[in-house]
Amino acid sequence: MKTKTGQILLLALTAWLIVPSGLWSAEHADAAATPPAVATPAPLAVIAQPVHEFPPTPEGSVVTHDFVVQNHGQTVLNILRVKTS
């Protein structure tokens, strides 16, 4: 009887170690490795004219240009930094 109990205990322990790791089913192993394809809402900045070339101007002149930034995303677009060149 002790041998039978030991074998059952060993089988139960083996099943307990294999099942939680996802090795018991290829279907479940593949599902665990592939993240769900769920799109999360995000902002999307769209700039129709991202570059502007100023014509030659006298040194010291002040020149300006407005860049129009539109948010085509689904959440708020925060512009935290602007870099000029």
PDB file of N, CA and C in Angstrom:
ATOM      1  N   MET A   1       0.820  -1.193   0.000  1.00  0.00           N
ATOM      2  CA  MET A   1       0.000   0.000   0.000  1.00  0.00           C
ATOM      3  C   MET A   1       0.868   1.263   0.000  1.00  0.00           C
ATOM      4  N   LYS A   2       1.984   1.258   0.688  1.00  0.00           N
ATOM      5  CA  LYS A   2       2.838   2.429   0.732  1.00  0.00           C
ATOM      6  C   LYS A   2       3.399   2.747  -0.653  1.00  0.00           C
ATOM      7  N   THR A   3       3.677   1.746  -1.460  1.00  0.00           N
ATOM      8  CA  THR A   3       4.202   1.968  -2.807  1.00  0.00           C
ATOM      9  C   THR A   3       3.156   2.646  -3.672  1.00  0.00           C
ATOM     10  N   LYS A   4       1.920   2.199  -3.573  1.00  0.00           N
ATOM     11  CA  LYS A   4       0.828   2.788  -4.355  1.00  0.00           C
ATOM     12  C   LYS A   4       0.614   4.244  -3.926  1.00  0.00           C
ATOM     13  N   THR A   5       0.647   4.508  -2.643  1.00  0.00           N
ATOM     14  CA  THR A   5       0.475   5.867  -2.131  1.00  0.00           C
ATOM     15  C   THR A   5       1.618   6.757  -2.596  1.00  0.00           C
ATOM     16  N   GLY A   6       2.816   6.242  -2.605  1.00  0.00           N
ATOM     17  CA  GLY A   6       3.978   7.005  -3.067  1.00  0.00           C
ATOM     18  C   GLY A   6       3.875   7.339  -4.536  1.00  0.00           C
ATOM     19  N   GLN A   7       3.386   6.389  -5.345  1.00  0.00           N
ATOM     20  CA  GLN A   7       3.243   6.634  -6.777  1.00  0.00           C
ATOM     21  C   GLN A   7       2.172   7.691  -7.040  1.00  0.00           C
ATOM     22  N   ILE A   8       1.073   7.613  -6.328  1.00  0.00           N
ATOM     23  CA  ILE A   8      -0.008   8.596  -6.499  1.00  0.00           C
ATOM     24  C   ILE A   8       0.481   9.976  -6.079  1.00  0.00           C
ATOM     25  N   LEU A   9       1.203  10.035  -4.980  1.00  0.00           N
ATOM     26  CA  LEU A   9       1.736  11.303  -4.504  1.00  0.00           C
ATOM     27  C   LEU A   9       2.728  11.881  -5.520  1.00  0.00           C
ATOM     28  N   LEU A  10       3.573  11.047  -6.104  1.00  0.00           N
ATOM     29  CA  LEU A  10       4.531  11.484  -7.103  1.00  0.00           C
ATOM     30  C   LEU A  10       3.819  11.995  -8.359  1.00  0.00           C
ATOM     31  N   LEU A  11       2.762  11.295  -8.805  1.00  0.00           N
ATOM     32  CA  LEU A  11       1.993  11.744  -9.964  1.00  0.00           C
ATOM     33  C   LEU A  11       1.302  13.082  -9.681  1.00  0.00           C
ATOM     34  N   ALA A  12       0.746  13.214  -8.495  1.00  0.00           N
ATOM     35  CA  ALA A  12       0.067  14.455  -8.135  1.00  0.00           C
ATOM     36  C   ALA A  12       1.055  15.621  -8.100  1.00  0.00           C
ATOM     37  N   LEU A  13       2.241  15.378  -7.544  1.00  0.00           N
ATOM     38  CA  LEU A  13       3.261  16.415  -7.473  1.00  0.00           C
ATOM     39  C   LEU A  13       3.742  16.803  -8.873  1.00  0.00           C
ATOM     40  N   THR A  14       3.935  15.819  -9.746  1.00  0.00           N
ATOM     41  CA  THR A  14       4.356  16.088 -11.122  1.00  0.00           C
ATOM     42  C   THR A  14       3.298  16.905 -11.857  1.00  0.00           C
ATOM     43  N   ALA A  15       2.035  16.528 -11.714  1.00  0.00           N
ATOM     44  CA  ALA A  15       0.949  17.270 -12.359  1.00  0.00           C
ATOM     45  C   ALA A  15       0.873  18.685 -11.816  1.00  0.00           C
ATOM     46  N   TRP A  16       1.088  18.844 -10.543  1.00  0.00           N
ATOM     47  CA  TRP A  16       1.031  20.173  -9.929  1.00  0.00           C
ATOM     48  C   TRP A  16       2.154  21.066 -10.470  1.00  0.00           C
ATOM     49  N   LEU A  17       3.318  20.485 -10.743  1.00  0.00           N
ATOM     50  CA  LEU A  17       4.430  21.264 -11.262  1.00  0.00           C
ATOM     51  C   LEU A  17       4.277  21.581 -12.748  1.00  0.00           C
ATOM     52  N   ILE A  18       3.681  20.686 -13.524  1.00  0.00           N
ATOM     53  CA  ILE A  18       3.570  20.869 -14.965  1.00  0.00           C
ATOM     54  C   ILE A  18       2.395  21.759 -15.334  1.00  0.00           C
ATOM     55  N   VAL A  19       1.250  21.581 -14.742  1.00  0.00           N
ATOM     56  CA  VAL A  19       0.044  22.314 -15.133  1.00  0.00           C
ATOM     57  C   VAL A  19       0.194  23.823 -14.971  1.00  0.00           C
ATOM     58  N   PRO A  20       0.668  24.350 -13.845  1.00  0.00           N
ATOM     59  CA  PRO A  20       0.772  25.803 -13.733  1.00  0.00           C
ATOM     60  C   PRO A  20       1.768  26.428 -14.706  1.00  0.00           C
ATOM     61  N   SER A  21       2.747  25.662 -15.174  1.00  0.00           N
ATOM     62  CA  SER A  21       3.743  26.248 -16.062  1.00  0.00           C
ATOM     63  C   SER A  21       3.256  26.377 -17.496  1.00  0.00           C
ATOM     64  N   GLY A  22       2.086  25.852 -17.822  1.00  0.00           N
ATOM     65  CA  GLY A  22       1.546  25.971 -19.164  1.00  0.00           C
ATOM     66  C   GLY A  22       2.023  24.882 -20.102  1.00  0.00           C
ATOM     67  N   LEU A  23       2.747  23.872 -19.609  1.00  0.00           N
ATOM     68  CA  LEU A  23       3.267  22.817 -20.462  1.00  0.00           C
ATOM     69  C   LEU A  23       2.240  21.734 -20.755  1.00  0.00           C
ATOM     70  N   TRP A  24       1.126  21.760 -20.077  1.00  0.00           N
ATOM     71  CA  TRP A  24       0.135  20.689 -20.229  1.00  0.00           C
ATOM     72  C   TRP A  24      -0.671  20.823 -21.504  1.00  0.00           C
ATOM     73  N   SER A  25      -0.625  21.957 -22.178  1.00  0.00           N
ATOM     74  CA  SER A  25      -1.392  22.130 -23.400  1.00  0.00           C
ATOM     75  C   SER A  25      -0.683  23.111 -24.319  1.00  0.00           C
ATOM     76  N   ALA A  26      -0.471  22.718 -25.561  1.00  0.00           N
ATOM     77  CA  ALA A  26       0.170  23.609 -26.528  1.00  0.00           C
ATOM     78  C   ALA A  26      -0.690  24.841 -26.768  1.00  0.00           C
ATOM     79  N   GLU A  27      -2.004  24.651 -26.723  1.00  0.00           N
ATOM     80  CA  GLU A  27      -2.916  25.773 -26.933  1.00  0.00           C
ATOM     81  C   GLU A  27      -2.709  26.830 -25.858  1.00  0.00           C
ATOM     82  N   HIS A  28      -2.612  26.395 -24.613  1.00  0.00           N
ATOM     83  CA  HIS A  28      -2.427  27.335 -23.521  1.00  0.00           C
ATOM     84  C   HIS A  28      -1.027  27.935 -23.540  1.00  0.00           C
ATOM     85  N   ALA A  29      -0.038  27.172 -23.935  1.00  0.00           N
ATOM     86  CA  ALA A  29       1.322  27.697 -24.001  1.00  0.00           C
ATOM     87  C   ALA A  29       1.406  28.795 -25.055  1.00  0.00           C
ATOM     88  N   ASP A  30       0.773  28.607 -26.228  1.00  0.00           N
ATOM     89  CA  ASP A  30       0.789  29.632 -27.265  1.00  0.00           C
ATOM     90  C   ASP A  30       0.034  30.883 -26.822  1.00  0.00           C
ATOM     91  N   ALA A  31      -1.068  30.695 -26.136  1.00  0.00           N
ATOM     92  CA  ALA A  31      -1.863  31.834 -25.672  1.00  0.00           C
ATOM     93  C   ALA A  31      -1.084  32.654 -24.656  1.00  0.00           C
ATOM     94  N   ALA A  32      -0.294  31.991 -23.827  1.00  0.00           N
ATOM     95  CA  ALA A  32       0.477  32.705 -22.822  1.00  0.00           C
ATOM     96  C   ALA A  32       1.631  33.473 -23.459  1.00  0.00           C
ATOM     97  N   ALA A  33       2.173  32.992 -24.570  1.00  0.00           N
ATOM     98  CA  ALA A  33       3.305  33.641 -25.211  1.00  0.00           C
ATOM     99  C   ALA A  33       2.884  34.813 -26.089  1.00  0.00           C
ATOM    100  N   THR A  34       1.656  34.847 -26.556  1.00  0.00           N
ATOM    101  CA  THR A  34       1.190  35.897 -27.454  1.00  0.00           C
ATOM    102  C   THR A  34       0.319  36.887 -26.699  1.00  0.00           C
ATOM    103  N   PRO A  35       0.764  38.149 -26.605  1.00  0.00           N
ATOM    104  CA  PRO A  35      -0.071  39.130 -25.905  1.00  0.00           C
ATOM    105  C   PRO A  35      -1.317  39.445 -26.729  1.00  0.00           C
ATOM    106  N   PRO A  36      -2.386  39.830 -26.068  1.00  0.00           N
ATOM    107  CA  PRO A  36      -3.607  40.161 -26.803  1.00  0.00           C
ATOM    108  C   PRO A  36      -3.395  41.399 -27.664  1.00  0.00           C
ATOM    109  N   ALA A  37      -4.028  41.424 -28.825  1.00  0.00           N
ATOM    110  CA  ALA A  37      -3.908  42.552 -29.742  1.00  0.00           C
ATOM    111  C   ALA A  37      -4.975  43.589 -29.419  1.00  0.00           C
ATOM    112  N   VAL A  38      -4.718  44.350 -28.378  1.00  0.00           N
ATOM    113  CA  VAL A  38      -5.657  45.369 -27.939  1.00  0.00           C
ATOM    114  C   VAL A  38      -4.984  46.727 -28.113  1.00  0.00           C
ATOM    115  N   ALA A  39      -5.588  47.576 -28.894  1.00  0.00           N
ATOM    116  CA  ALA A  39      -5.039  48.916 -29.104  1.00  0.00           C
ATOM    117  C   ALA A  39      -5.416  49.801 -27.923  1.00  0.00           C
ATOM    118  N   THR A  40      -4.423  50.442 -27.355  1.00  0.00           N
ATOM    119  CA  THR A  40      -4.708  51.358 -26.263  1.00  0.00           C
ATOM    120  C   THR A  40      -4.819  52.768 -26.829  1.00  0.00           C
ATOM    121  N   PRO A  41      -5.726  53.565 -26.306  1.00  0.00           N
ATOM    122  CA  PRO A  41      -5.872  54.933 -26.796  1.00  0.00           C
ATOM    123  C   PRO A  41      -4.566  55.705 -26.599  1.00  0.00           C
ATOM    124  N   ALA A  42      -4.210  56.490 -27.592  1.00  0.00           N
ATOM    125  CA  ALA A  42      -2.976  57.275 -27.521  1.00  0.00           C
ATOM    126  C   ALA A  42      -3.136  58.538 -28.352  1.00  0.00           C
ATOM    127  N   PRO A  43      -2.363  59.579 -28.018  1.00  0.00           N
ATOM    128  CA  PRO A  43      -2.381  60.773 -28.854  1.00  0.00           C
ATOM    129  C   PRO A  43      -1.616  60.516 -30.155  1.00  0.00           C
ATOM    130  N   LEU A  44      -1.933  61.267 -31.185  1.00  0.00           N
ATOM    131  CA  LEU A  44      -1.237  61.137 -32.467  1.00  0.00           C
ATOM    132  C   LEU A  44      -1.064  62.529 -33.049  1.00  0.00           C
ATOM    133  N   ALA A  45       0.164  63.052 -32.973  1.00  0.00           N
ATOM    134  CA  ALA A  45       0.456  64.389 -33.485  1.00  0.00           C
ATOM    135  C   ALA A  45       0.612  64.341 -34.997  1.00  0.00           C
ATOM    136  N   VAL A  46      -0.108  65.220 -35.690  1.00  0.00           N
ATOM    137  CA  VAL A  46      -0.021  65.321 -37.145  1.00  0.00           C
ATOM    138  C   VAL A  46       0.324  66.769 -37.483  1.00  0.00           C
ATOM    139  N   ILE A  47       1.420  66.936 -38.224  1.00  0.00           N
ATOM    140  CA  ILE A  47       1.865  68.269 -38.634  1.00  0.00           C
ATOM    141  C   ILE A  47       1.904  68.274 -40.156  1.00  0.00           C
ATOM    142  N   ALA A  48       1.027  69.057 -40.767  1.00  0.00           N
ATOM    143  CA  ALA A  48       0.913  69.079 -42.226  1.00  0.00           C
ATOM    144  C   ALA A  48       2.204  69.564 -42.876  1.00  0.00           C
ATOM    145  N   GLN A  49       2.843  70.574 -42.300  1.00  0.00           N
ATOM    146  CA  GLN A  49       4.086  71.123 -42.839  1.00  0.00           C
ATOM    147  C   GLN A  49       5.122  71.127 -41.710  1.00  0.00           C
ATOM    148  N   PRO A  50       5.851  70.009 -41.509  1.00  0.00           N
ATOM    149  CA  PRO A  50       6.769  69.927 -40.370  1.00  0.00           C
ATOM    150  C   PRO A  50       8.071  70.726 -40.539  1.00  0.00           C
ATOM    151  N   VAL A  51       8.390  71.183 -41.756  1.00  0.00           N
ATOM    152  CA  VAL A  51       9.622  71.935 -42.004  1.00  0.00           C
ATOM    153  C   VAL A  51       9.275  73.244 -42.695  1.00  0.00           C
ATOM    154  N   HIS A  52       9.957  74.314 -42.284  1.00  0.00           N
ATOM    155  CA  HIS A  52       9.760  75.612 -42.940  1.00  0.00           C
ATOM    156  C   HIS A  52      11.122  76.237 -43.192  1.00  0.00           C
ATOM    157  N   GLU A  53      11.383  76.625 -44.421  1.00  0.00           N
ATOM    158  CA  GLU A  53      12.630  77.302 -44.793  1.00  0.00           C
ATOM    159  C   GLU A  53      12.336  78.790 -44.940  1.00  0.00           C
ATOM    160  N   PHE A  54      13.008  79.600 -44.139  1.00  0.00           N
ATOM    161  CA  PHE A  54      12.840  81.047 -44.264  1.00  0.00           C
ATOM    162  C   PHE A  54      13.659  81.550 -45.453  1.00  0.00           C
ATOM    163  N   PRO A  55      13.150  82.565 -46.136  1.00  0.00           N
ATOM    164  CA  PRO A  55      13.951  83.159 -47.222  1.00  0.00           C
ATOM    165  C   PRO A  55      15.133  83.914 -46.606  1.00  0.00           C
ATOM    166  N   PRO A  56      16.128  84.201 -47.385  1.00  0.00           N
ATOM    167  CA  PRO A  56      17.243  84.993 -46.842  1.00  0.00           C
ATOM    168  C   PRO A  56      16.730  86.307 -46.247  1.00  0.00           C
ATOM    169  N   THR A  57      17.188  86.601 -45.041  1.00  0.00           N
ATOM    170  CA  THR A  57      16.749  87.829 -44.351  1.00  0.00           C
ATOM    171  C   THR A  57      17.979  88.533 -43.797  1.00  0.00           C
ATOM    172  N   PRO A  58      17.886  89.831 -43.611  1.00  0.00           N
ATOM    173  CA  PRO A  58      19.028  90.556 -43.030  1.00  0.00           C
ATOM    174  C   PRO A  58      19.303  90.067 -41.600  1.00  0.00           C
ATOM    175  N   GLU A  59      20.566  90.030 -41.247  1.00  0.00           N
ATOM    176  CA  GLU A  59      20.958  89.581 -39.910  1.00  0.00           C
ATOM    177  C   GLU A  59      20.299  90.461 -38.854  1.00  0.00           C
ATOM    178  N   GLY A  60      19.814  89.829 -37.795  1.00  0.00           N
ATOM    179  CA  GLY A  60      19.165  90.550 -36.707  1.00  0.00           C
ATOM    180  C   GLY A  60      17.666  90.710 -36.892  1.00  0.00           C
ATOM    181  N   SER A  61      17.137  90.335 -38.047  1.00  0.00           N
ATOM    182  CA  SER A  61      15.694  90.431 -38.284  1.00  0.00           C
ATOM    183  C   SER A  61      14.970  89.348 -37.482  1.00  0.00           C
ATOM    184  N   VAL A  62      13.760  89.662 -37.064  1.00  0.00           N
ATOM    185  CA  VAL A  62      12.920  88.696 -36.356  1.00  0.00           C
ATOM    186  C   VAL A  62      11.992  88.052 -37.377  1.00  0.00           C
ATOM    187  N   VAL A  63      12.031  86.739 -37.446  1.00  0.00           N
ATOM    188  CA  VAL A  63      11.150  86.006 -38.353  1.00  0.00           C
ATOM    189  C   VAL A  63      10.337  85.003 -37.544  1.00  0.00           C
ATOM    190  N   THR A  64       9.101  84.783 -37.961  1.00  0.00           N
ATOM    191  CA  THR A  64       8.235  83.834 -37.254  1.00  0.00           C
ATOM    192  C   THR A  64       7.508  82.942 -38.254  1.00  0.00           C
ATOM    193  N   HIS A  65       7.102  81.817 -37.767  1.00  0.00           N
ATOM    194  CA  HIS A  65       6.282  80.898 -38.562  1.00  0.00           C
ATOM    195  C   HIS A  65       5.443  80.071 -37.595  1.00  0.00           C
ATOM    196  N   ASP A  66       4.189  79.878 -37.905  1.00  0.00           N
ATOM    197  CA  ASP A  66       3.308  79.070 -37.072  1.00  0.00           C
ATOM    198  C   ASP A  66       3.236  77.641 -37.633  1.00  0.00           C
ATOM    199  N   PHE A  67       3.508  76.681 -36.791  1.00  0.00           N
ATOM    200  CA  PHE A  67       3.340  75.280 -37.146  1.00  0.00           C
ATOM    201  C   PHE A  67       2.019  74.811 -36.556  1.00  0.00           C
ATOM    202  N   VAL A  68       1.166  74.249 -37.376  1.00  0.00           N
ATOM    203  CA  VAL A  68      -0.135  73.771 -36.921  1.00  0.00           C
ATOM    204  C   VAL A  68       0.007  72.294 -36.557  1.00  0.00           C
ATOM    205  N   VAL A  69      -0.272  71.987 -35.301  1.00  0.00           N
ATOM    206  CA  VAL A  69      -0.200  70.615 -34.802  1.00  0.00           C
ATOM    207  C   VAL A  69      -1.617  70.174 -34.478  1.00  0.00           C
ATOM    208  N   GLN A  70      -2.037  69.084 -35.094  1.00  0.00           N
ATOM    209  CA  GLN A  70      -3.371  68.547 -34.819  1.00  0.00           C
ATOM    210  C   GLN A  70      -3.231  67.205 -34.112  1.00  0.00           C
ATOM    211  N   ASN A  71      -4.152  66.936 -33.217  1.00  0.00           N
ATOM    212  CA  ASN A  71      -4.180  65.665 -32.512  1.00  0.00           C
ATOM    213  C   ASN A  71      -5.219  64.767 -33.175  1.00  0.00           C
ATOM    214  N   HIS A  72      -4.770  63.749 -33.883  1.00  0.00           N
ATOM    215  CA  HIS A  72      -5.670  62.791 -34.517  1.00  0.00           C
ATOM    216  C   HIS A  72      -5.825  61.537 -33.661  1.00  0.00           C
ATOM    217  N   GLY A  73      -5.352  61.580 -32.426  1.00  0.00           N
ATOM    218  CA  GLY A  73      -5.433  60.438 -31.519  1.00  0.00           C
ATOM    219  C   GLY A  73      -6.695  60.443 -30.702  1.00  0.00           C
ATOM    220  N   GLN A  74      -6.721  59.547 -29.741  1.00  0.00           N
ATOM    221  CA  GLN A  74      -7.920  59.357 -28.919  1.00  0.00           C
ATOM    222  C   GLN A  74      -7.765  59.884 -27.500  1.00  0.00           C
ATOM    223  N   THR A  75      -6.573  60.386 -27.155  1.00  0.00           N
ATOM    224  CA  THR A  75      -6.369  60.974 -25.836  1.00  0.00           C
ATOM    225  C   THR A  75      -5.710  62.338 -25.997  1.00  0.00           C
ATOM    226  N   VAL A  76      -5.529  63.032 -24.916  1.00  0.00           N
ATOM    227  CA  VAL A  76      -4.974  64.387 -24.922  1.00  0.00           C
ATOM    228  C   VAL A  76      -3.511  64.345 -25.372  1.00  0.00           C
ATOM    229  N   LEU A  77      -3.153  65.260 -26.254  1.00  0.00           N
ATOM    230  CA  LEU A  77      -1.772  65.403 -26.720  1.00  0.00           C
ATOM    231  C   LEU A  77      -1.122  66.525 -25.932  1.00  0.00           C
ATOM    232  N   ASN A  78      -0.081  66.203 -25.178  1.00  0.00           N
ATOM    233  CA  ASN A  78       0.673  67.204 -24.421  1.00  0.00           C
ATOM    234  C   ASN A  78       2.004  67.425 -25.115  1.00  0.00           C
ATOM    235  N   ILE A  79       2.276  68.655 -25.530  1.00  0.00           N
ATOM    236  CA  ILE A  79       3.563  69.001 -26.133  1.00  0.00           C
ATOM    237  C   ILE A  79       4.429  69.546 -25.004  1.00  0.00           C
ATOM    238  N   LEU A  80       5.409  68.769 -24.607  1.00  0.00           N
ATOM    239  CA  LEU A  80       6.223  69.128 -23.451  1.00  0.00           C
ATOM    240  C   LEU A  80       7.517  69.817 -23.823  1.00  0.00           C
ATOM    241  N   ARG A  81       7.985  69.630 -25.045  1.00  0.00           N
ATOM    242  CA  ARG A  81       9.259  70.183 -25.451  1.00  0.00           C
ATOM    243  C   ARG A  81       9.243  70.456 -26.950  1.00  0.00           C
ATOM    244  N   VAL A  82       9.898  71.558 -27.355  1.00  0.00           N
ATOM    245  CA  VAL A  82      10.032  71.890 -28.774  1.00  0.00           C
ATOM    246  C   VAL A  82      11.509  72.155 -29.034  1.00  0.00           C
ATOM    247  N   LYS A  83      12.042  71.556 -30.097  1.00  0.00           N
ATOM    248  CA  LYS A  83      13.452  71.753 -30.435  1.00  0.00           C
ATOM    249  C   LYS A  83      13.541  72.415 -31.801  1.00  0.00           C
ATOM    250  N   THR A  84      14.292  73.488 -31.889  1.00  0.00           N
ATOM    251  CA  THR A  84      14.487  74.176 -33.162  1.00  0.00           C
ATOM    252  C   THR A  84      15.898  73.913 -33.660  1.00  0.00           C
ATOM    253  N   SER A  85      16.086  74.166 -34.945  1.00  0.00           N
ATOM    254  CA  SER A  85      17.439  73.978 -35.492  1.00  0.00           C
ATOM    255  C   SER A  85      17.864  75.178 -36.289  1.00  0.00           C
TER     256      SER A  85
END
